[in-house]
Amino acid sequence: MSDSDGSGGRRGALIGLLVAAVMLALGLWLAHALTASSKMQDCLMSGRTNCNVIEPAR
């Protein structure tokens, strides 16, 4: 049951690489979301009332 051309090993490696890339992307998104939430909480806990993020017009 072994593949003579080794495509099964390549397929497994590509699936592993895809899973790792998805996990990395989710980790970066989660870190960004937690940082933004932490900054908002810090602002609110300091007693400020104008903690909304203002994006500059382009």
N, C-alpha and C. Protein backbone atom coordinates (compact mmCIF):
# COMPACT_ATOMS: atom_id res chain seq x y z
N MET A 1 0.80 -1.19 0.00
CA MET A 1 0.00 0.00 0.00
C MET A 1 0.84 1.25 0.00
N SER A 2 2.06 1.19 -0.42
CA SER A 2 2.88 2.39 -0.45
C SER A 2 2.80 3.03 -1.83
N ASP A 3 2.82 4.36 -1.84
CA ASP A 3 2.79 5.09 -3.11
C ASP A 3 4.19 5.09 -3.71
N SER A 4 4.27 4.79 -4.98
CA SER A 4 5.58 4.77 -5.63
C SER A 4 6.10 6.18 -5.92
N ASP A 5 5.20 7.15 -6.11
CA ASP A 5 5.65 8.49 -6.43
C ASP A 5 5.72 9.40 -5.19
N GLY A 6 5.25 8.95 -4.05
CA GLY A 6 5.37 9.73 -2.83
C GLY A 6 4.37 10.88 -2.71
N SER A 7 3.28 10.83 -3.46
CA SER A 7 2.31 11.92 -3.41
C SER A 7 1.55 11.95 -2.09
N GLY A 8 1.43 10.83 -1.42
CA GLY A 8 0.75 10.79 -0.13
C GLY A 8 1.50 11.58 0.91
N GLY A 9 2.82 11.50 0.90
CA GLY A 9 3.62 12.27 1.84
C GLY A 9 3.55 13.76 1.57
N ARG A 10 3.53 14.11 0.30
CA ARG A 10 3.42 15.53 -0.06
C ARG A 10 2.05 16.07 0.33
N ARG A 11 1.02 15.27 0.10
CA ARG A 11 -0.33 15.71 0.44
C ARG A 11 -0.45 15.94 1.94
N GLY A 12 0.11 15.05 2.72
CA GLY A 12 0.07 15.20 4.18
C GLY A 12 0.84 16.43 4.63
N ALA A 13 1.98 16.67 4.01
CA ALA A 13 2.77 17.85 4.36
C ALA A 13 2.04 19.13 4.00
N LEU A 14 1.38 19.14 2.85
CA LEU A 14 0.63 20.34 2.44
C LEU A 14 -0.56 20.58 3.36
N ILE A 15 -1.24 19.52 3.76
CA ILE A 15 -2.36 19.68 4.70
C ILE A 15 -1.85 20.20 6.04
N GLY A 16 -0.72 19.68 6.50
CA GLY A 16 -0.13 20.16 7.74
C GLY A 16 0.27 21.62 7.65
N LEU A 17 0.84 22.02 6.52
CA LEU A 17 1.22 23.41 6.31
C LEU A 17 -0.01 24.31 6.28
N LEU A 18 -1.07 23.85 5.65
CA LEU A 18 -2.31 24.62 5.59
C LEU A 18 -2.91 24.79 6.99
N VAL A 19 -2.92 23.73 7.77
CA VAL A 19 -3.44 23.80 9.13
C VAL A 19 -2.60 24.77 9.97
N ALA A 20 -1.28 24.71 9.82
CA ALA A 20 -0.41 25.61 10.57
C ALA A 20 -0.63 27.06 10.17
N ALA A 21 -0.83 27.32 8.89
CA ALA A 21 -1.08 28.69 8.41
C ALA A 21 -2.40 29.22 8.95
N VAL A 22 -3.43 28.38 8.97
CA VAL A 22 -4.73 28.80 9.50
C VAL A 22 -4.62 29.08 10.99
N MET A 23 -3.91 28.23 11.72
CA MET A 23 -3.73 28.45 13.15
C MET A 23 -2.95 29.73 13.42
N LEU A 24 -1.95 30.02 12.62
CA LEU A 24 -1.18 31.25 12.76
C LEU A 24 -2.06 32.48 12.51
N ALA A 25 -2.87 32.43 11.45
CA ALA A 25 -3.76 33.55 11.14
C ALA A 25 -4.77 33.77 12.26
N LEU A 26 -5.35 32.70 12.78
CA LEU A 26 -6.30 32.84 13.88
C LEU A 26 -5.62 33.37 15.14
N GLY A 27 -4.41 32.94 15.39
CA GLY A 27 -3.66 33.43 16.54
C GLY A 27 -3.37 34.91 16.44
N LEU A 28 -2.97 35.37 15.26
CA LEU A 28 -2.71 36.79 15.07
C LEU A 28 -3.98 37.62 15.21
N TRP A 29 -5.08 37.11 14.64
CA TRP A 29 -6.36 37.82 14.77
C TRP A 29 -6.78 37.90 16.24
N LEU A 30 -6.64 36.80 16.97
CA LEU A 30 -7.01 36.78 18.38
C LEU A 30 -6.15 37.73 19.19
N ALA A 31 -4.85 37.76 18.92
CA ALA A 31 -3.96 38.67 19.64
C ALA A 31 -4.34 40.12 19.38
N HIS A 32 -4.67 40.44 18.14
CA HIS A 32 -5.07 41.81 17.80
C HIS A 32 -6.38 42.17 18.51
N ALA A 33 -7.34 41.27 18.50
CA ALA A 33 -8.63 41.54 19.15
C ALA A 33 -8.46 41.71 20.65
N LEU A 34 -7.64 40.88 21.28
CA LEU A 34 -7.42 41.00 22.71
C LEU A 34 -6.68 42.28 23.08
N THR A 35 -5.75 42.70 22.24
CA THR A 35 -5.03 43.96 22.48
C THR A 35 -5.98 45.14 22.39
N ALA A 36 -6.83 45.16 21.38
CA ALA A 36 -7.79 46.25 21.24
C ALA A 36 -8.76 46.28 22.41
N SER A 37 -9.21 45.12 22.83
CA SER A 37 -10.12 45.06 23.98
C SER A 37 -9.44 45.53 25.25
N SER A 38 -8.19 45.16 25.43
CA SER A 38 -7.44 45.58 26.61
C SER A 38 -7.24 47.10 26.63
N LYS A 39 -6.95 47.68 25.48
CA LYS A 39 -6.78 49.13 25.42
C LYS A 39 -8.09 49.85 25.75
N MET A 40 -9.21 49.32 25.25
CA MET A 40 -10.51 49.92 25.55
C MET A 40 -10.82 49.81 27.03
N GLN A 41 -10.56 48.67 27.63
CA GLN A 41 -10.80 48.49 29.06
C GLN A 41 -9.91 49.41 29.89
N ASP A 42 -8.66 49.55 29.50
CA ASP A 42 -7.76 50.46 30.22
C ASP A 42 -8.27 51.90 30.16
N CYS A 43 -8.76 52.30 29.01
CA CYS A 43 -9.28 53.65 28.85
C CYS A 43 -10.51 53.85 29.73
N LEU A 44 -11.43 52.90 29.71
CA LEU A 44 -12.64 53.02 30.50
C LEU A 44 -12.36 52.97 31.99
N MET A 45 -11.41 52.13 32.40
CA MET A 45 -11.09 52.01 33.82
C MET A 45 -10.40 53.27 34.36
N SER A 46 -9.80 54.06 33.47
CA SER A 46 -9.16 55.29 33.92
C SER A 46 -10.16 56.43 34.09
N GLY A 47 -11.43 56.16 33.78
CA GLY A 47 -12.48 57.14 34.00
C GLY A 47 -12.79 58.01 32.80
N ARG A 48 -12.19 57.75 31.68
CA ARG A 48 -12.46 58.55 30.49
C ARG A 48 -13.81 58.18 29.89
N THR A 49 -14.40 59.12 29.18
CA THR A 49 -15.68 58.86 28.53
C THR A 49 -15.57 58.93 27.01
N ASN A 50 -14.42 59.29 26.49
CA ASN A 50 -14.24 59.41 25.04
C ASN A 50 -13.23 58.38 24.53
N CYS A 51 -13.54 57.11 24.74
CA CYS A 51 -12.59 56.05 24.39
C CYS A 51 -12.78 55.49 23.00
N ASN A 52 -13.71 56.05 22.22
CA ASN A 52 -13.94 55.54 20.87
C ASN A 52 -12.72 55.81 19.99
N VAL A 53 -12.43 54.88 19.11
CA VAL A 53 -11.33 55.02 18.17
C VAL A 53 -11.80 55.89 17.02
N ILE A 54 -11.07 56.95 16.73
CA ILE A 54 -11.41 57.85 15.65
C ILE A 54 -10.43 57.61 14.51
N GLU A 55 -10.96 57.19 13.38
CA GLU A 55 -10.13 56.93 12.20
C GLU A 55 -10.02 58.21 11.38
N PRO A 56 -8.81 58.57 10.96
CA PRO A 56 -8.67 59.78 10.15
C PRO A 56 -9.25 59.58 8.75
N ALA A 57 -9.80 60.65 8.18
CA ALA A 57 -10.35 60.58 6.83
C ALA A 57 -9.21 60.50 5.84
N ARG A 58 -9.42 59.73 4.78
CA ARG A 58 -8.37 59.57 3.78
C ARG A 58 -8.64 60.39 2.57
